[in-house]
């Protein structure tokens, strides 16, 4: 198995860790301090992890900017690690335009089911913040629901996207 390189970063919404395989970004997780490596080990228990702060400095910089401008596309290849179903849900998340939201039920309906529980679990397992925009999923009444990296971050990301979104006619 090829090693997974990782590095730490600091953003306006807190510390984060990134992990990169040969194919692309495996993880972009908000994690405070010493918890970053524990987070990666839990996410990738069989991986050989190698810290590469210098080699990944450009990637870390792009992701630091992405936190402040979450609607932009920094052109980073992704290599999400998950089940086929999780990857299907994550792919749907990537179709939600910046500045917009959808509901768990709407995603479930797109997958051909009325039960949103599996969708909710797949979203909760998402290891790639912002680029797989699980923060754009809300409750059916439009209110914010949980977020793997904290309610405060979810609200901030949505507000940043709405401010940057171009004016849309209803």
Protein backbone atom coordinates (compact mmCIF):
# COMPACT_ATOMS: atom_id res chain seq x y z
CA UNK A 1 0.00 0.00 0.00
CA UNK A 2 1.27 3.44 -0.94
CA UNK A 3 1.80 5.82 1.96
CA UNK A 4 -0.69 8.59 2.65
CA UNK A 5 1.06 11.94 3.09
CA UNK A 6 -0.41 14.41 5.52
CA UNK A 7 0.10 17.94 6.76
CA UNK A 8 -1.44 20.31 9.25
CA UNK A 9 -2.95 23.70 8.53
CA UNK A 10 -4.54 26.64 10.29
CA UNK A 11 -7.60 28.49 9.00
CA UNK A 12 -10.04 31.12 10.13
CA UNK A 13 -12.28 28.26 11.32
CA UNK A 14 -9.55 26.41 13.21
CA UNK A 15 -6.84 23.83 12.74
CA UNK A 16 -7.12 21.13 10.11
CA UNK A 17 -5.32 18.10 8.75
CA UNK A 18 -5.09 17.09 5.10
CA UNK A 19 -4.16 13.69 3.72
CA UNK A 20 -3.19 12.93 0.15
CA UNK A 21 -2.86 9.64 -1.73
CA UNK A 22 -1.31 9.30 -5.18
CA UNK A 23 -4.82 9.72 -6.62
CA UNK A 24 -5.87 12.80 -4.67
CA UNK A 25 -7.20 14.27 -1.44
CA UNK A 26 -8.27 11.55 0.99
CA UNK A 27 -9.10 13.78 3.94
CA UNK A 28 -9.60 17.41 4.84
CA UNK A 29 -10.65 17.32 8.47
CA UNK A 30 -10.95 20.08 11.01
CA UNK A 31 -9.07 18.81 14.05
CA UNK A 32 -7.62 20.72 16.93
CA UNK A 33 -3.99 20.27 17.90
CA UNK A 34 -2.86 16.76 18.77
CA UNK A 35 -6.19 15.26 17.73
CA UNK A 36 -5.31 15.64 14.04
CA UNK A 37 -3.16 12.53 13.80
CA UNK A 38 -5.64 10.54 15.90
CA UNK A 39 -8.39 11.64 13.52
CA UNK A 40 -6.40 10.41 10.52
CA UNK A 41 -5.51 7.12 12.16
CA UNK A 42 -9.19 6.48 12.93
CA UNK A 43 -10.18 7.38 9.37
CA UNK A 44 -7.39 5.38 7.69
CA UNK A 45 -6.52 2.60 10.15
CA UNK A 46 -4.55 0.49 7.64
CA UNK A 47 -2.68 3.33 5.96
CA UNK A 48 0.99 4.13 6.31
CA UNK A 49 0.91 7.82 7.27
CA UNK A 50 3.86 10.08 6.49
CA UNK A 51 3.97 13.70 7.54
CA UNK A 52 5.02 15.94 4.64
CA UNK A 53 4.46 19.51 5.76
CA UNK A 54 6.82 21.00 3.20
CA UNK A 55 5.69 18.86 0.25
CA UNK A 56 2.02 19.62 0.90
CA UNK A 57 2.44 23.33 1.68
CA UNK A 58 0.76 24.44 -1.60
CA UNK A 59 -2.21 22.17 -0.88
CA UNK A 60 -2.47 23.46 2.69
CA UNK A 61 -2.45 27.04 1.36
CA UNK A 62 -5.23 26.29 -1.13
CA UNK A 63 -7.36 24.74 1.61
CA UNK A 64 -6.72 27.65 3.98
CA UNK A 65 -8.08 29.99 1.27
CA UNK A 66 -10.99 27.63 0.57
CA UNK A 67 -12.18 27.98 4.17
CA UNK A 68 -12.58 31.72 3.62
CA UNK A 69 -14.04 31.29 0.11
CA UNK A 70 -15.94 27.97 0.31
CA UNK A 71 -17.72 28.45 -3.00
CA UNK A 72 -14.51 28.42 -5.04
CA UNK A 73 -12.97 25.42 -6.76
CA UNK A 74 -9.25 25.10 -6.06
CA UNK A 75 -8.90 22.29 -8.62
CA UNK A 76 -7.84 19.58 -6.18
CA UNK A 77 -8.27 15.94 -7.24
CA UNK A 78 -10.25 13.92 -4.71
CA UNK A 79 -9.78 10.31 -3.59
CA UNK A 80 -12.50 9.81 -0.96
CA UNK A 81 -12.31 6.52 0.90
CA UNK A 82 -15.71 4.99 1.59
CA UNK A 83 -18.31 2.48 0.53
CA UNK A 84 -19.89 2.62 -2.91
CA UNK A 85 -23.06 4.08 -1.33
CA UNK A 86 -21.12 6.74 0.59
CA UNK A 87 -19.29 7.75 -2.58
CA UNK A 88 -22.63 8.01 -4.40
CA UNK A 89 -23.99 10.34 -1.70
CA UNK A 90 -20.79 12.38 -1.67
CA UNK A 91 -21.00 12.76 -5.44
CA UNK A 92 -24.54 14.17 -5.07
CA UNK A 93 -23.25 16.62 -2.47
CA UNK A 94 -20.74 17.95 -4.98
CA UNK A 95 -23.63 18.84 -7.32
CA UNK A 96 -25.18 21.29 -4.83
CA UNK A 97 -24.22 24.79 -6.02
CA UNK A 98 -22.38 27.09 -3.63
CA UNK A 99 -24.76 29.35 -1.75
CA UNK A 100 -27.61 26.84 -2.00
CA UNK A 101 -28.80 24.06 0.27
CA UNK A 102 -30.77 20.85 0.00
CA UNK A 103 -32.36 18.50 2.51
CA UNK A 104 -31.56 14.99 3.63
CA UNK A 105 -34.94 13.88 2.27
CA UNK A 106 -34.32 15.43 -1.14
CA UNK A 107 -31.01 13.57 -1.40
CA UNK A 108 -32.71 10.32 -0.34
CA UNK A 109 -35.38 10.86 -3.01
CA UNK A 110 -32.70 11.34 -5.66
CA UNK A 111 -31.31 7.97 -4.59
CA UNK A 112 -34.74 6.37 -4.92
CA UNK A 113 -35.72 6.07 -1.27
CA UNK A 114 -37.88 7.93 1.20
CA UNK A 115 -35.70 6.96 4.17
CA UNK A 116 -33.03 9.59 4.78
CA UNK A 117 -31.22 7.68 7.57
CA UNK A 118 -28.69 6.02 5.26
CA UNK A 119 -28.06 9.37 3.56
CA UNK A 120 -27.52 10.99 6.95
CA UNK A 121 -24.98 8.30 7.93
CA UNK A 122 -23.11 8.67 4.64
CA UNK A 123 -22.96 12.43 5.08
CA UNK A 124 -21.68 12.03 8.64
CA UNK A 125 -18.88 9.77 7.33
CA UNK A 126 -17.66 12.34 4.80
CA UNK A 127 -13.89 12.84 5.37
CA UNK A 128 -13.45 15.82 3.02
CA UNK A 129 -14.74 19.12 4.39
CA UNK A 130 -16.01 21.85 2.06
CA UNK A 131 -14.95 20.17 -1.21
CA UNK A 132 -17.57 17.49 -0.51
CA UNK A 133 -20.02 20.10 0.78
CA UNK A 134 -22.04 18.30 3.43
CA UNK A 135 -22.47 21.69 5.09
CA UNK A 136 -25.04 22.46 2.35
CA UNK A 137 -27.52 19.88 3.71
CA UNK A 138 -30.20 21.16 6.09
CA UNK A 139 -33.36 19.90 7.75
CA UNK A 140 -36.60 19.87 5.75
CA UNK A 141 -37.76 23.03 7.55
CA UNK A 142 -34.59 24.80 6.38
CA UNK A 143 -32.97 24.94 9.80
CA UNK A 144 -29.39 23.86 10.32
CA UNK A 145 -28.70 20.38 11.58
CA UNK A 146 -25.57 18.72 12.87
CA UNK A 147 -22.21 18.97 11.19
CA UNK A 148 -19.27 16.65 11.68
CA UNK A 149 -16.97 19.61 12.37
CA UNK A 150 -19.35 21.66 14.49
CA UNK A 151 -22.44 23.79 14.07
CA UNK A 152 -20.44 27.04 14.23
CA UNK A 153 -18.32 26.02 11.23
CA UNK A 154 -21.37 24.93 9.23
CA UNK A 155 -23.13 28.24 9.81
CA UNK A 156 -19.98 30.20 8.94
CA UNK A 157 -19.41 28.29 5.69
CA UNK A 158 -23.00 28.79 4.56
CA UNK A 159 -22.87 32.51 5.40
CA UNK A 160 -19.61 32.91 3.48
CA UNK A 161 -21.05 31.16 0.43
CA UNK A 162 -24.26 33.21 0.50
CA UNK A 163 -22.30 36.47 0.69
CA UNK A 164 -20.14 35.46 -2.27
CA UNK A 165 -22.91 33.92 -4.41
CA UNK A 166 -23.90 35.99 -7.45
CA UNK A 167 -27.31 37.63 -7.37
CA UNK A 168 -29.95 35.16 -8.54
CA UNK A 169 -33.42 35.92 -9.85
CA UNK A 170 -36.11 33.92 -8.09
